[in-house]
Amino acid sequence: MSSSGCGPLTLVIYAIHCAEKSFHGVLSVVAPAAYQLCYADLSL
């Protein structure tokens, strides 16, 4: 195993980490909006 600092595995882990961060960012925006939509539908 080569212990290079910027190997393919490191890039994959970094990409997954960035995807998780952006996913959580989108989720924190979409979740309240979806909750408000569902709540508005229920209150009608």
PDB file of N, CA and C in Angstrom:
ATOM      1  N   MET A   1       0.839  -1.202   0.000  1.00  0.00           N
ATOM      2  CA  MET A   1       0.000   0.000   0.000  1.00  0.00           C
ATOM      3  C   MET A   1       0.867   1.241   0.000  1.00  0.00           C
ATOM      4  N   SER A   2       0.605   2.160  -0.884  1.00  0.00           N
ATOM      5  CA  SER A   2       1.353   3.410  -0.917  1.00  0.00           C
ATOM      6  C   SER A   2       0.678   4.410   0.005  1.00  0.00           C
ATOM      7  N   SER A   3       1.478   5.086   0.805  1.00  0.00           N
ATOM      8  CA  SER A   3       0.921   6.038   1.764  1.00  0.00           C
ATOM      9  C   SER A   3       1.033   7.450   1.215  1.00  0.00           C
ATOM     10  N   SER A   4       0.514   7.665   0.017  1.00  0.00           N
ATOM     11  CA  SER A   4       0.535   9.001  -0.561  1.00  0.00           C
ATOM     12  C   SER A   4      -0.585   9.825   0.058  1.00  0.00           C
ATOM     13  N   GLY A   5      -0.326  11.098   0.288  1.00  0.00           N
ATOM     14  CA  GLY A   5      -1.283  11.939   0.993  1.00  0.00           C
ATOM     15  C   GLY A   5      -2.548  12.179   0.194  1.00  0.00           C
ATOM     16  N   CYS A   6      -2.449  12.143  -1.133  1.00  0.00           N
ATOM     17  CA  CYS A   6      -3.615  12.475  -1.956  1.00  0.00           C
ATOM     18  C   CYS A   6      -3.907  11.338  -2.916  1.00  0.00           C
ATOM     19  N   GLY A   7      -4.141  10.161  -2.361  1.00  0.00           N
ATOM     20  CA  GLY A   7      -4.428   9.002  -3.190  1.00  0.00           C
ATOM     21  C   GLY A   7      -5.887   8.961  -3.587  1.00  0.00           C
ATOM     22  N   PRO A   8      -6.256   8.006  -4.425  1.00  0.00           N
ATOM     23  CA  PRO A   8      -7.649   7.887  -4.874  1.00  0.00           C
ATOM     24  C   PRO A   8      -8.610   7.702  -3.704  1.00  0.00           C
ATOM     25  N   LEU A   9      -8.204   6.892  -2.712  1.00  0.00           N
ATOM     26  CA  LEU A   9      -9.083   6.645  -1.573  1.00  0.00           C
ATOM     27  C   LEU A   9      -9.337   7.930  -0.799  1.00  0.00           C
ATOM     28  N   THR A  10      -8.288   8.744  -0.657  1.00  0.00           N
ATOM     29  CA  THR A  10      -8.446  10.019   0.040  1.00  0.00           C
ATOM     30  C   THR A  10      -9.418  10.919  -0.711  1.00  0.00           C
ATOM     31  N   LEU A  11      -9.319  10.933  -2.034  1.00  0.00           N
ATOM     32  CA  LEU A  11     -10.227  11.760  -2.832  1.00  0.00           C
ATOM     33  C   LEU A  11     -11.663  11.262  -2.714  1.00  0.00           C
ATOM     34  N   VAL A  12     -11.839   9.947  -2.689  1.00  0.00           N
ATOM     35  CA  VAL A  12     -13.185   9.385  -2.566  1.00  0.00           C
ATOM     36  C   VAL A  12     -13.786   9.754  -1.216  1.00  0.00           C
ATOM     37  N   ILE A  13     -12.988   9.600  -0.150  1.00  0.00           N
ATOM     38  CA  ILE A  13     -13.475   9.943   1.187  1.00  0.00           C
ATOM     39  C   ILE A  13     -13.817  11.424   1.259  1.00  0.00           C
ATOM     40  N   TYR A  14     -12.973  12.256   0.652  1.00  0.00           N
ATOM     41  CA  TYR A  14     -13.213  13.697   0.660  1.00  0.00           C
ATOM     42  C   TYR A  14     -14.485  14.032  -0.112  1.00  0.00           C
ATOM     43  N   ALA A  15     -14.699  13.369  -1.239  1.00  0.00           N
ATOM     44  CA  ALA A  15     -15.897  13.618  -2.041  1.00  0.00           C
ATOM     45  C   ALA A  15     -17.149  13.201  -1.272  1.00  0.00           C
ATOM     46  N   ILE A  16     -17.081  12.053  -0.596  1.00  0.00           N
ATOM     47  CA  ILE A  16     -18.226  11.593   0.194  1.00  0.00           C
ATOM     48  C   ILE A  16     -18.502  12.576   1.327  1.00  0.00           C
ATOM     49  N   HIS A  17     -17.435  13.059   1.960  1.00  0.00           N
ATOM     50  CA  HIS A  17     -17.590  14.008   3.062  1.00  0.00           C
ATOM     51  C   HIS A  17     -18.255  15.289   2.574  1.00  0.00           C
ATOM     52  N   CYS A  18     -17.823  15.793   1.428  1.00  0.00           N
ATOM     53  CA  CYS A  18     -18.419  17.016   0.873  1.00  0.00           C
ATOM     54  C   CYS A  18     -19.869  16.771   0.477  1.00  0.00           C
ATOM     55  N   ALA A  19     -20.150  15.599  -0.075  1.00  0.00           N
ATOM     56  CA  ALA A  19     -21.519  15.282  -0.473  1.00  0.00           C
ATOM     57  C   ALA A  19     -22.426  15.216   0.751  1.00  0.00           C
ATOM     58  N   GLU A  20     -21.912  14.638   1.850  1.00  0.00           N
ATOM     59  CA  GLU A  20     -22.709  14.565   3.068  1.00  0.00           C
ATOM     60  C   GLU A  20     -22.992  15.959   3.605  1.00  0.00           C
ATOM     61  N   LYS A  21     -21.969  16.834   3.579  1.00  0.00           N
ATOM     62  CA  LYS A  21     -22.166  18.192   4.084  1.00  0.00           C
ATOM     63  C   LYS A  21     -23.203  18.932   3.250  1.00  0.00           C
ATOM     64  N   SER A  22     -23.104  18.825   1.924  1.00  0.00           N
ATOM     65  CA  SER A  22     -24.058  19.526   1.065  1.00  0.00           C
ATOM     66  C   SER A  22     -25.447  18.904   1.207  1.00  0.00           C
ATOM     67  N   PHE A  23     -25.500  17.573   1.412  1.00  0.00           N
ATOM     68  CA  PHE A  23     -26.792  16.908   1.588  1.00  0.00           C
ATOM     69  C   PHE A  23     -27.475  17.393   2.857  1.00  0.00           C
ATOM     70  N   HIS A  24     -26.697  17.510   3.945  1.00  0.00           N
ATOM     71  CA  HIS A  24     -27.272  17.988   5.198  1.00  0.00           C
ATOM     72  C   HIS A  24     -27.696  19.446   5.069  1.00  0.00           C
ATOM     73  N   GLY A  25     -26.955  20.224   4.286  1.00  0.00           N
ATOM     74  CA  GLY A  25     -27.332  21.620   4.071  1.00  0.00           C
ATOM     75  C   GLY A  25     -28.650  21.714   3.324  1.00  0.00           C
ATOM     76  N   VAL A  26     -28.801  20.886   2.284  1.00  0.00           N
ATOM     77  CA  VAL A  26     -30.052  20.870   1.524  1.00  0.00           C
ATOM     78  C   VAL A  26     -31.186  20.359   2.406  1.00  0.00           C
ATOM     79  N   LEU A  27     -30.888  19.335   3.210  1.00  0.00           N
ATOM     80  CA  LEU A  27     -31.916  18.745   4.062  1.00  0.00           C
ATOM     81  C   LEU A  27     -32.416  19.759   5.084  1.00  0.00           C
ATOM     82  N   SER A  28     -31.524  20.565   5.643  1.00  0.00           N
ATOM     83  CA  SER A  28     -31.924  21.540   6.652  1.00  0.00           C
ATOM     84  C   SER A  28     -32.785  22.635   6.040  1.00  0.00           C
ATOM     85  N   VAL A  29     -32.699  22.819   4.716  1.00  0.00           N
ATOM     86  CA  VAL A  29     -33.541  23.812   4.043  1.00  0.00           C
ATOM     87  C   VAL A  29     -34.854  23.181   3.586  1.00  0.00           C
ATOM     88  N   VAL A  30     -34.781  21.954   3.071  1.00  0.00           N
ATOM     89  CA  VAL A  30     -35.964  21.306   2.504  1.00  0.00           C
ATOM     90  C   VAL A  30     -36.899  20.794   3.596  1.00  0.00           C
ATOM     91  N   ALA A  31     -36.342  20.274   4.690  1.00  0.00           N
ATOM     92  CA  ALA A  31     -37.173  19.672   5.734  1.00  0.00           C
ATOM     93  C   ALA A  31     -38.197  20.649   6.316  1.00  0.00           C
ATOM     94  N   PRO A  32     -37.811  21.857   6.730  1.00  0.00           N
ATOM     95  CA  PRO A  32     -38.822  22.791   7.259  1.00  0.00           C
ATOM     96  C   PRO A  32     -39.866  23.176   6.217  1.00  0.00           C
ATOM     97  N   ALA A  33     -39.441  23.332   4.962  1.00  0.00           N
ATOM     98  CA  ALA A  33     -40.391  23.695   3.911  1.00  0.00           C
ATOM     99  C   ALA A  33     -41.390  22.557   3.687  1.00  0.00           C
ATOM    100  N   ALA A  34     -40.900  21.327   3.652  1.00  0.00           N
ATOM    101  CA  ALA A  34     -41.789  20.180   3.477  1.00  0.00           C
ATOM    102  C   ALA A  34     -42.726  20.053   4.675  1.00  0.00           C
ATOM    103  N   TYR A  35     -42.211  20.309   5.870  1.00  0.00           N
ATOM    104  CA  TYR A  35     -43.043  20.244   7.075  1.00  0.00           C
ATOM    105  C   TYR A  35     -44.143  21.296   7.016  1.00  0.00           C
ATOM    106  N   GLN A  36     -43.803  22.506   6.574  1.00  0.00           N
ATOM    107  CA  GLN A  36     -44.805  23.568   6.474  1.00  0.00           C
ATOM    108  C   GLN A  36     -45.863  23.214   5.434  1.00  0.00           C
ATOM    109  N   LEU A  37     -45.430  22.620   4.312  1.00  0.00           N
ATOM    110  CA  LEU A  37     -46.387  22.228   3.277  1.00  0.00           C
ATOM    111  C   LEU A  37     -47.342  21.161   3.810  1.00  0.00           C
ATOM    112  N   CYS A  38     -46.796  20.161   4.497  1.00  0.00           N
ATOM    113  CA  CYS A  38     -47.641  19.097   5.040  1.00  0.00           C
ATOM    114  C   CYS A  38     -48.577  19.662   6.099  1.00  0.00           C
ATOM    115  N   TYR A  39     -48.063  20.555   6.933  1.00  0.00           N
ATOM    116  CA  TYR A  39     -48.874  21.138   7.999  1.00  0.00           C
ATOM    117  C   TYR A  39     -49.994  21.988   7.404  1.00  0.00           C
ATOM    118  N   ALA A  40     -49.686  22.716   6.312  1.00  0.00           N
ATOM    119  CA  ALA A  40     -50.709  23.534   5.655  1.00  0.00           C
ATOM    120  C   ALA A  40     -51.787  22.634   5.048  1.00  0.00           C
ATOM    121  N   ASP A  41     -51.371  21.494   4.477  1.00  0.00           N
ATOM    122  CA  ASP A  41     -52.347  20.565   3.904  1.00  0.00           C
ATOM    123  C   ASP A  41     -53.251  19.992   4.993  1.00  0.00           C
ATOM    124  N   LEU A  42     -52.675  19.683   6.155  1.00  0.00           N
ATOM    125  CA  LEU A  42     -53.460  19.098   7.237  1.00  0.00           C
ATOM    126  C   LEU A  42     -54.417  20.118   7.836  1.00  0.00           C
ATOM    127  N   SER A  43     -54.013  21.378   7.868  1.00  0.00           N
ATOM    128  CA  SER A  43     -54.832  22.396   8.530  1.00  0.00           C
ATOM    129  C   SER A  43     -55.979  22.872   7.647  1.00  0.00           C
ATOM    130  N   LEU A  44     -55.989  22.490   6.379  1.00  0.00           N
ATOM    131  CA  LEU A  44     -57.063  22.957   5.489  1.00  0.00           C
ATOM    132  C   LEU A  44     -58.383  22.249   5.796  1.00  0.00           C
TER     133      LEU A  44
END
